[in-house]
Structure formats: structure tokens, C-alpha cells
Amino acid sequence: MEKQVDESPEMIEKDEDFADVYDDMLVMVKSEPVPETVLLVLTPPMIRMLAVWHKVPRRVSKEPDYQSALDVVWHHTNLDVAYWGRLAGVTDGDVWEYYRRMAALNIVYPDGSMPLIVKEHVRRQARLLMGQEES
């Protein structure tokens, strides 16, 4: 089976008692990437946000259960969205809108990774900007 998700960065703190549950739920969330979602990251601000997504610190908190695996993993991840916006050069208002959209559509995952197709799109855009690839 071909790998569909990039490697998870190790910038996540996890409560030891909850880490296994969180990891199991994250595997469920990542199991069905939707290639068409790459079409939603064509705006430069979103591409900049994706380029630095793996650098945003996050911490997993232990709390009561929720309905779906997606709800669980995002609810239990404390993310510094304002820092993400500053890192990507995206305004405070826009960063929250793009974050909500990307999280709901599984364009980014709470552990700092993203579907491989999205990561490849971001890299292709970077190479185009650097003049290393034809469009």
C-alpha cells in the first residue's frame, strides 16, 4: 500500500494516560485522505500556512470523549493558531478561518502532518516560486 500521509513531526506533548487513545483516533482520521482537498489550498496564504504547519507546537490534553475520531483528536489538541499565522505571515482573522477549513477537511492533521498529496502540492508551489519547476 502506498504511503498517503507525511511523517508526523515530533513537536507534540501527550498525556501518558491518553496517548494511546489519541494515537488510535489519529490513525482513524488519517485513514481516508481526500485528494480533491488539495484544490482548496490554492490561495497563497493557505499554502504559506501549510508550509510551516509542522513547526507549530501543540499539546494533547486529556478530557472526556466526543462523537467522532476527528472531534476527539482536534478537541484534545491545544494549538497556538496565532503563532501559526505569524509564522506564515497570515492575518489573525484569516488564520482562524483557514485553520477551521483545513481541519474540517482533513487538509492538516493535529500532529503536524498532512496528506501526502497536500504536502507535494505545497512543495511544488515552493519550487515554482524558486524557479525550479515549470508550471
C-alpha atoms as a PDB file:
ATOM      1  CA  MET A   1       0.000   0.000   0.000  1.00  0.00           C
ATOM      2  CA  GLU A   2       1.338   3.439  -0.946  1.00  0.00           C
ATOM      3  CA  LYS A   3       2.021   5.897   1.863  1.00  0.00           C
ATOM      4  CA  GLN A   4      -0.624   8.630   1.889  1.00  0.00           C
ATOM      5  CA  VAL A   5       0.475  10.773   4.849  1.00  0.00           C
ATOM      6  CA  ASP A   6       3.744  12.521   5.578  1.00  0.00           C
ATOM      7  CA  GLU A   7       5.721  11.603   8.663  1.00  0.00           C
ATOM      8  CA  SER A   8       4.411  13.158  11.870  1.00  0.00           C
ATOM      9  CA  PRO A   9       6.710  15.734  13.376  1.00  0.00           C
ATOM     10  CA  GLU A  10       7.631  15.113  16.988  1.00  0.00           C
ATOM     11  CA  MET A  11       6.519  18.531  18.269  1.00  0.00           C
ATOM     12  CA  ILE A  12       3.589  17.232  20.260  1.00  0.00           C
ATOM     13  CA  GLU A  13       3.294  16.741  24.017  1.00  0.00           C
ATOM     14  CA  LYS A  14       0.935  13.974  25.117  1.00  0.00           C
ATOM     15  CA  ASP A  15      -0.580  12.985  28.443  1.00  0.00           C
ATOM     16  CA  GLU A  16       0.825   9.487  29.033  1.00  0.00           C
ATOM     17  CA  ASP A  17      -2.555   8.058  30.106  1.00  0.00           C
ATOM     18  CA  PHE A  18      -4.279   9.363  26.982  1.00  0.00           C
ATOM     19  CA  ALA A  19      -1.533   8.994  24.344  1.00  0.00           C
ATOM     20  CA  ASP A  20      -2.616   5.549  23.065  1.00  0.00           C
ATOM     21  CA  VAL A  21      -6.273   6.577  22.674  1.00  0.00           C
ATOM     22  CA  TYR A  22      -5.259   9.774  20.906  1.00  0.00           C
ATOM     23  CA  ASP A  23      -2.879   7.900  18.580  1.00  0.00           C
ATOM     24  CA  ASP A  24      -5.565   5.320  17.714  1.00  0.00           C
ATOM     25  CA  MET A  25      -8.059   8.068  16.892  1.00  0.00           C
ATOM     26  CA  LEU A  26      -5.451   9.897  14.802  1.00  0.00           C
ATOM     27  CA  VAL A  27      -4.838   6.753  12.738  1.00  0.00           C
ATOM     28  CA  MET A  28      -8.600   6.605  12.030  1.00  0.00           C
ATOM     29  CA  VAL A  29      -8.675  10.254  10.947  1.00  0.00           C
ATOM     30  CA  LYS A  30      -5.690   9.810   8.634  1.00  0.00           C
ATOM     31  CA  SER A  31      -7.011   6.622   7.024  1.00  0.00           C
ATOM     32  CA  GLU A  32      -9.151   8.347   4.417  1.00  0.00           C
ATOM     33  CA  PRO A  33      -7.385  11.342   2.830  1.00  0.00           C
ATOM     34  CA  VAL A  34      -9.407  13.023   0.100  1.00  0.00           C
ATOM     35  CA  PRO A  35      -7.152  14.010  -2.849  1.00  0.00           C
ATOM     36  CA  GLU A  36      -9.606  16.644  -4.049  1.00  0.00           C
ATOM     37  CA  THR A  37      -8.960  18.718  -0.921  1.00  0.00           C
ATOM     38  CA  VAL A  38      -5.702  19.884  -2.490  1.00  0.00           C
ATOM     39  CA  LEU A  39      -7.852  22.115  -4.693  1.00  0.00           C
ATOM     40  CA  LEU A  40      -8.812  24.071  -1.590  1.00  0.00           C
ATOM     41  CA  VAL A  41      -5.241  25.119  -0.788  1.00  0.00           C
ATOM     42  CA  LEU A  42      -4.620  27.169  -3.889  1.00  0.00           C
ATOM     43  CA  THR A  43      -4.590  30.508  -2.077  1.00  0.00           C
ATOM     44  CA  PRO A  44      -1.127  31.814  -1.208  1.00  0.00           C
ATOM     45  CA  PRO A  45      -1.960  32.373   2.498  1.00  0.00           C
ATOM     46  CA  MET A  46      -3.096  28.767   2.915  1.00  0.00           C
ATOM     47  CA  ILE A  47      -0.007  27.467   1.120  1.00  0.00           C
ATOM     48  CA  ARG A  48       2.193  29.548   3.452  1.00  0.00           C
ATOM     49  CA  MET A  49       0.315  28.145   6.453  1.00  0.00           C
ATOM     50  CA  LEU A  50       0.799  24.588   5.203  1.00  0.00           C
ATOM     51  CA  ALA A  51       4.489  25.209   4.613  1.00  0.00           C
ATOM     52  CA  VAL A  52       5.021  25.889   8.329  1.00  0.00           C
ATOM     53  CA  TRP A  53       2.338  23.588   9.789  1.00  0.00           C
ATOM     54  CA  HIS A  54       4.874  21.060  11.063  1.00  0.00           C
ATOM     55  CA  LYS A  55       6.641  23.788  13.091  1.00  0.00           C
ATOM     56  CA  VAL A  56       3.613  24.803  15.195  1.00  0.00           C
ATOM     57  CA  PRO A  57       3.910  23.495  18.777  1.00  0.00           C
ATOM     58  CA  ARG A  58       0.947  21.512  20.060  1.00  0.00           C
ATOM     59  CA  ARG A  59      -0.025  19.680  23.227  1.00  0.00           C
ATOM     60  CA  VAL A  60      -2.594  16.916  23.714  1.00  0.00           C
ATOM     61  CA  SER A  61      -4.882  17.316  26.710  1.00  0.00           C
ATOM     62  CA  LYS A  62      -6.918  14.558  28.348  1.00  0.00           C
ATOM     63  CA  GLU A  63     -10.659  15.221  28.532  1.00  0.00           C
ATOM     64  CA  PRO A  64     -13.998  13.388  28.142  1.00  0.00           C
ATOM     65  CA  ASP A  65     -14.877  11.595  24.920  1.00  0.00           C
ATOM     66  CA  TYR A  66     -16.577  13.089  21.886  1.00  0.00           C
ATOM     67  CA  GLN A  67     -18.545  11.769  18.917  1.00  0.00           C
ATOM     68  CA  SER A  68     -16.037  11.109  16.147  1.00  0.00           C
ATOM     69  CA  ALA A  69     -12.331  10.425  15.892  1.00  0.00           C
ATOM     70  CA  LEU A  70     -11.927  13.789  14.135  1.00  0.00           C
ATOM     71  CA  ASP A  71     -13.679  15.556  17.036  1.00  0.00           C
ATOM     72  CA  VAL A  72     -11.519  13.723  19.575  1.00  0.00           C
ATOM     73  CA  VAL A  73      -8.134  14.455  18.045  1.00  0.00           C
ATOM     74  CA  TRP A  74      -8.833  18.117  17.330  1.00  0.00           C
ATOM     75  CA  HIS A  75     -10.587  18.762  20.633  1.00  0.00           C
ATOM     76  CA  HIS A  76      -7.676  17.323  22.591  1.00  0.00           C
ATOM     77  CA  THR A  77      -5.001  19.252  20.690  1.00  0.00           C
ATOM     78  CA  ASN A  78      -4.088  22.662  22.043  1.00  0.00           C
ATOM     79  CA  LEU A  79      -2.666  24.590  19.126  1.00  0.00           C
ATOM     80  CA  ASP A  80      -1.195  28.079  19.000  1.00  0.00           C
ATOM     81  CA  VAL A  81      -3.114  29.298  15.942  1.00  0.00           C
ATOM     82  CA  ALA A  82      -1.962  32.909  16.364  1.00  0.00           C
ATOM     83  CA  TYR A  83       1.687  31.753  16.281  1.00  0.00           C
ATOM     84  CA  TRP A  84       0.928  29.714  13.148  1.00  0.00           C
ATOM     85  CA  GLY A  85      -0.445  32.855  11.489  1.00  0.00           C
ATOM     86  CA  ARG A  86       2.595  34.931  12.444  1.00  0.00           C
ATOM     87  CA  LEU A  87       4.937  32.196  11.205  1.00  0.00           C
ATOM     88  CA  ALA A  88       3.095  32.007   7.868  1.00  0.00           C
ATOM     89  CA  GLY A  89       2.543  35.756   7.511  1.00  0.00           C
ATOM     90  CA  VAL A  90      -1.248  35.395   7.603  1.00  0.00           C
ATOM     91  CA  THR A  91      -3.504  37.892   9.415  1.00  0.00           C
ATOM     92  CA  ASP A  92      -5.153  36.884  12.705  1.00  0.00           C
ATOM     93  CA  GLY A  93      -8.638  36.871  11.180  1.00  0.00           C
ATOM     94  CA  ASP A  94      -7.623  34.819   8.162  1.00  0.00           C
ATOM     95  CA  VAL A  95      -5.546  32.285  10.084  1.00  0.00           C
ATOM     96  CA  TRP A  96      -8.561  31.197  12.133  1.00  0.00           C
ATOM     97  CA  GLU A  97     -10.767  30.881   9.035  1.00  0.00           C
ATOM     98  CA  TYR A  98      -8.161  28.863   7.124  1.00  0.00           C
ATOM     99  CA  TYR A  99      -7.382  26.712  10.174  1.00  0.00           C
ATOM    100  CA  ARG A 100     -11.055  25.785  10.650  1.00  0.00           C
ATOM    101  CA  ARG A 101     -11.409  24.985   6.967  1.00  0.00           C
ATOM    102  CA  MET A 102      -8.224  22.892   6.765  1.00  0.00           C
ATOM    103  CA  ALA A 103      -9.002  20.979   9.973  1.00  0.00           C
ATOM    104  CA  ALA A 104     -12.595  20.190   8.949  1.00  0.00           C
ATOM    105  CA  LEU A 105     -11.479  18.948   5.529  1.00  0.00           C
ATOM    106  CA  ASN A 106      -8.507  16.885   6.819  1.00  0.00           C
ATOM    107  CA  ILE A 107      -6.040  19.050   4.920  1.00  0.00           C
ATOM    108  CA  VAL A 108      -3.948  19.163   8.113  1.00  0.00           C
ATOM    109  CA  TYR A 109      -3.788  16.710  10.995  1.00  0.00           C
ATOM    110  CA  PRO A 110      -3.427  17.617  14.675  1.00  0.00           C
ATOM    111  CA  ASP A 111       0.004  16.014  14.949  1.00  0.00           C
ATOM    112  CA  GLY A 112       1.539  18.481  12.461  1.00  0.00           C
ATOM    113  CA  SER A 113       1.338  16.220   9.431  1.00  0.00           C
ATOM    114  CA  MET A 114      -0.825  16.444   6.305  1.00  0.00           C
ATOM    115  CA  PRO A 115      -1.891  14.134   3.464  1.00  0.00           C
ATOM    116  CA  LEU A 116       0.991  13.459   1.111  1.00  0.00           C
ATOM    117  CA  ILE A 117      -0.859  14.986  -1.838  1.00  0.00           C
ATOM    118  CA  VAL A 118      -1.173  18.269   0.069  1.00  0.00           C
ATOM    119  CA  LYS A 119       2.487  18.239   1.091  1.00  0.00           C
ATOM    120  CA  GLU A 120       3.520  17.566  -2.522  1.00  0.00           C
ATOM    121  CA  HIS A 121       1.346  20.462  -3.703  1.00  0.00           C
ATOM    122  CA  VAL A 122       2.998  22.820  -1.199  1.00  0.00           C
ATOM    123  CA  ARG A 123       6.458  21.670  -2.303  1.00  0.00           C
ATOM    124  CA  ARG A 124       5.528  22.124  -5.974  1.00  0.00           C
ATOM    125  CA  GLN A 125       4.359  25.682  -5.231  1.00  0.00           C
ATOM    126  CA  ALA A 126       7.634  26.400  -3.404  1.00  0.00           C
ATOM    127  CA  ARG A 127       9.688  25.071  -6.326  1.00  0.00           C
ATOM    128  CA  LEU A 128       7.673  27.231  -8.738  1.00  0.00           C
ATOM    129  CA  LEU A 129       8.380  30.313  -6.625  1.00  0.00           C
ATOM    130  CA  MET A 130      12.081  29.464  -6.627  1.00  0.00           C
ATOM    131  CA  GLY A 131      12.061  28.964 -10.399  1.00  0.00           C
ATOM    132  CA  GLN A 132      12.946  25.283 -10.148  1.00  0.00           C
ATOM    133  CA  GLU A 133       9.922  23.831 -11.917  1.00  0.00           C
ATOM    134  CA  GLU A 134       7.760  24.663 -14.878  1.00  0.00           C
ATOM    135  CA  SER A 135       4.027  25.109 -14.229  1.00  0.00           C
END
